[in-house]
Amino acid sequence: MRKILFYAMQGKKMCFMHVLMNALQLHEQGHEVKIIFEGEAVRLPSQLEKEENKLYLSSRKAGLLAGICLGCSIQFDMLEVNEAVGLRLLDDMYGHAGLLPFVKENYEVIWA
């Protein structure tokens, strides 16, 4: 089985829904999958929480959500909101969410 990281950058909900669908399908087939919210995508977790989005909640329950970029949360004035969501804030790359920890664990990276 494969290890796949979705590095979500876009803040468009419809695009991100496809990330969630793919991540869940891969996970259900036995692959190890993680998702990072980076760039404009840091705006999505609170919105999806508020909407009680089923794909998002299923991904969260399955442990697929690796975290949210700290630096981008600050830049987009989303820090307090994202802290309240309760996902890990990632800052290992100059204050932003880096790929290195996942690359070291042999994850394939998919930019979304």
C-alpha atoms as a PDB file:
ATOM      1  CA  MET A   1       0.000   0.000   0.000  1.00  0.00           C
ATOM      2  CA  ARG A   2       1.029   3.595  -0.593  1.00  0.00           C
ATOM      3  CA  LYS A   3       1.464   6.657   1.606  1.00  0.00           C
ATOM      4  CA  ILE A   4      -0.105   9.790   0.148  1.00  0.00           C
ATOM      5  CA  LEU A   5      -0.118  13.387   1.358  1.00  0.00           C
ATOM      6  CA  PHE A   6      -2.592  15.878  -0.083  1.00  0.00           C
ATOM      7  CA  TYR A   7      -1.073  19.351   0.291  1.00  0.00           C
ATOM      8  CA  ALA A   8      -4.198  21.489  -0.141  1.00  0.00           C
ATOM      9  CA  MET A   9      -3.458  25.086  -1.120  1.00  0.00           C
ATOM     10  CA  GLN A  10      -6.665  26.334  -2.702  1.00  0.00           C
ATOM     11  CA  GLY A  11      -9.447  27.890  -0.675  1.00  0.00           C
ATOM     12  CA  LYS A  12     -12.195  26.786  -3.055  1.00  0.00           C
ATOM     13  CA  LYS A  13     -14.564  24.458  -1.249  1.00  0.00           C
ATOM     14  CA  MET A  14     -15.558  22.501  -4.382  1.00  0.00           C
ATOM     15  CA  CYS A  15     -11.909  21.748  -5.188  1.00  0.00           C
ATOM     16  CA  PHE A  16     -11.276  20.671  -1.621  1.00  0.00           C
ATOM     17  CA  MET A  17     -14.305  18.340  -1.656  1.00  0.00           C
ATOM     18  CA  HIS A  18     -12.474  16.348  -4.312  1.00  0.00           C
ATOM     19  CA  VAL A  19      -9.415  16.154  -2.074  1.00  0.00           C
ATOM     20  CA  LEU A  20     -11.614  14.727   0.687  1.00  0.00           C
ATOM     21  CA  MET A  21     -13.341  12.239  -1.621  1.00  0.00           C
ATOM     22  CA  ASN A  22     -10.040  10.975  -3.001  1.00  0.00           C
ATOM     23  CA  ALA A  23      -8.443  10.816   0.430  1.00  0.00           C
ATOM     24  CA  LEU A  24     -11.347   8.837   1.883  1.00  0.00           C
ATOM     25  CA  GLN A  25     -11.488   6.449  -1.054  1.00  0.00           C
ATOM     26  CA  LEU A  26      -7.743   5.783  -0.864  1.00  0.00           C
ATOM     27  CA  HIS A  27      -7.955   5.337   2.905  1.00  0.00           C
ATOM     28  CA  GLU A  28     -10.853   2.894   2.555  1.00  0.00           C
ATOM     29  CA  GLN A  29      -8.717   0.848   0.164  1.00  0.00           C
ATOM     30  CA  GLY A  30      -5.956   0.571   2.753  1.00  0.00           C
ATOM     31  CA  HIS A  31      -3.618   3.372   1.769  1.00  0.00           C
ATOM     32  CA  GLU A  32      -2.126   5.689   4.398  1.00  0.00           C
ATOM     33  CA  VAL A  33      -3.413   9.184   3.649  1.00  0.00           C
ATOM     34  CA  LYS A  34      -2.860  12.612   5.218  1.00  0.00           C
ATOM     35  CA  ILE A  35      -4.124  16.096   4.344  1.00  0.00           C
ATOM     36  CA  ILE A  36      -2.449  19.422   5.139  1.00  0.00           C
ATOM     37  CA  PHE A  37      -4.331  22.728   4.949  1.00  0.00           C
ATOM     38  CA  GLU A  38      -1.899  25.293   3.507  1.00  0.00           C
ATOM     39  CA  GLY A  39      -2.265  28.634   1.707  1.00  0.00           C
ATOM     40  CA  GLU A  40      -5.857  29.765   1.196  1.00  0.00           C
ATOM     41  CA  ALA A  41      -7.094  26.326   2.262  1.00  0.00           C
ATOM     42  CA  VAL A  42      -6.564  27.369   5.905  1.00  0.00           C
ATOM     43  CA  ARG A  43      -9.917  29.143   5.596  1.00  0.00           C
ATOM     44  CA  LEU A  44     -11.803  25.882   5.057  1.00  0.00           C
ATOM     45  CA  PRO A  45     -11.667  23.883   8.320  1.00  0.00           C
ATOM     46  CA  SER A  46     -13.845  26.272  10.340  1.00  0.00           C
ATOM     47  CA  GLN A  47     -16.334  26.577   7.481  1.00  0.00           C
ATOM     48  CA  LEU A  48     -16.569  22.795   7.097  1.00  0.00           C
ATOM     49  CA  GLU A  49     -16.890  22.348  10.865  1.00  0.00           C
ATOM     50  CA  LYS A  50     -19.715  24.886  11.003  1.00  0.00           C
ATOM     51  CA  GLU A  51     -21.521  23.186   8.105  1.00  0.00           C
ATOM     52  CA  GLU A  52     -20.953  19.758   9.683  1.00  0.00           C
ATOM     53  CA  ASN A  53     -19.694  18.627   6.286  1.00  0.00           C
ATOM     54  CA  LYS A  54     -19.882  14.830   6.162  1.00  0.00           C
ATOM     55  CA  LEU A  55     -16.777  14.304   4.029  1.00  0.00           C
ATOM     56  CA  TYR A  56     -14.721  16.572   6.262  1.00  0.00           C
ATOM     57  CA  LEU A  57     -16.017  14.989   9.470  1.00  0.00           C
ATOM     58  CA  SER A  58     -15.398  11.477   8.100  1.00  0.00           C
ATOM     59  CA  SER A  59     -11.841  12.456   7.168  1.00  0.00           C
ATOM     60  CA  ARG A  60     -11.286  13.956  10.592  1.00  0.00           C
ATOM     61  CA  LYS A  61     -12.668  10.870  12.346  1.00  0.00           C
ATOM     62  CA  ALA A  62     -10.414   8.645  10.221  1.00  0.00           C
ATOM     63  CA  GLY A  63      -7.351  10.661  11.293  1.00  0.00           C
ATOM     64  CA  LEU A  64      -6.569  11.924   7.798  1.00  0.00           C
ATOM     65  CA  LEU A  65      -6.206  15.613   8.721  1.00  0.00           C
ATOM     66  CA  ALA A  66      -2.542  16.168   9.551  1.00  0.00           C
ATOM     67  CA  GLY A  67      -2.965  19.840  10.393  1.00  0.00           C
ATOM     68  CA  ILE A  68      -3.242  23.464   9.385  1.00  0.00           C
ATOM     69  CA  CYS A  69      -0.401  25.804   8.435  1.00  0.00           C
ATOM     70  CA  LEU A  70       0.357  28.195  11.285  1.00  0.00           C
ATOM     71  CA  GLY A  71       1.980  30.854   9.101  1.00  0.00           C
ATOM     72  CA  CYS A  72      -0.908  30.999   6.655  1.00  0.00           C
ATOM     73  CA  SER A  73      -3.420  31.002   9.496  1.00  0.00           C
ATOM     74  CA  ILE A  74      -1.700  34.146  10.765  1.00  0.00           C
ATOM     75  CA  GLN A  75      -1.460  35.710   7.283  1.00  0.00           C
ATOM     76  CA  PHE A  76      -5.161  35.123   6.563  1.00  0.00           C
ATOM     77  CA  ASP A  77      -6.216  36.271  10.059  1.00  0.00           C
ATOM     78  CA  MET A  78      -7.511  32.762  10.833  1.00  0.00           C
ATOM     79  CA  LEU A  79      -5.280  31.854  13.778  1.00  0.00           C
ATOM     80  CA  GLU A  80      -7.865  32.068  16.554  1.00  0.00           C
ATOM     81  CA  VAL A  81     -10.499  30.366  14.418  1.00  0.00           C
ATOM     82  CA  ASN A  82      -8.133  27.536  13.471  1.00  0.00           C
ATOM     83  CA  GLU A  83      -6.952  27.114  17.038  1.00  0.00           C
ATOM     84  CA  ALA A  84     -10.609  26.624  18.003  1.00  0.00           C
ATOM     85  CA  VAL A  85     -11.005  23.918  15.349  1.00  0.00           C
ATOM     86  CA  GLY A  86      -8.510  21.862  17.316  1.00  0.00           C
ATOM     87  CA  LEU A  87      -6.373  20.487  14.496  1.00  0.00           C
ATOM     88  CA  ARG A  88      -2.622  20.623  14.901  1.00  0.00           C
ATOM     89  CA  LEU A  89      -0.989  23.863  13.744  1.00  0.00           C
ATOM     90  CA  LEU A  90       2.046  23.043  11.608  1.00  0.00           C
ATOM     91  CA  ASP A  91       5.094  25.331  11.499  1.00  0.00           C
ATOM     92  CA  ASP A  92       8.122  23.155  10.793  1.00  0.00           C
ATOM     93  CA  MET A  93       9.140  25.030   7.600  1.00  0.00           C
ATOM     94  CA  TYR A  94      10.041  28.600   8.536  1.00  0.00           C
ATOM     95  CA  GLY A  95       6.708  28.966  10.331  1.00  0.00           C
ATOM     96  CA  HIS A  96       4.722  27.135   7.646  1.00  0.00           C
ATOM     97  CA  ALA A  97       3.641  23.528   7.097  1.00  0.00           C
ATOM     98  CA  GLY A  98       6.517  21.707   5.450  1.00  0.00           C
ATOM     99  CA  LEU A  99       6.735  18.556   3.392  1.00  0.00           C
ATOM    100  CA  LEU A 100       9.982  17.269   4.880  1.00  0.00           C
ATOM    101  CA  PRO A 101       8.466  15.191   7.732  1.00  0.00           C
ATOM    102  CA  PHE A 102       6.225  13.419   5.239  1.00  0.00           C
ATOM    103  CA  VAL A 103       8.885  12.988   2.560  1.00  0.00           C
ATOM    104  CA  LYS A 104      11.114  11.386   5.214  1.00  0.00           C
ATOM    105  CA  GLU A 105       8.263   8.915   5.831  1.00  0.00           C
ATOM    106  CA  ASN A 106       8.060   8.150   2.074  1.00  0.00           C
ATOM    107  CA  TYR A 107       4.749   9.889   1.384  1.00  0.00           C
ATOM    108  CA  GLU A 108       3.901  10.781  -2.201  1.00  0.00           C
ATOM    109  CA  VAL A 109       2.848  14.440  -2.330  1.00  0.00           C
ATOM    110  CA  ILE A 110      -0.180  15.565  -4.305  1.00  0.00           C
ATOM    111  CA  TRP A 111      -0.637  19.327  -4.634  1.00  0.00           C
ATOM    112  CA  ALA A 112      -4.250  20.411  -4.589  1.00  0.00           C
END
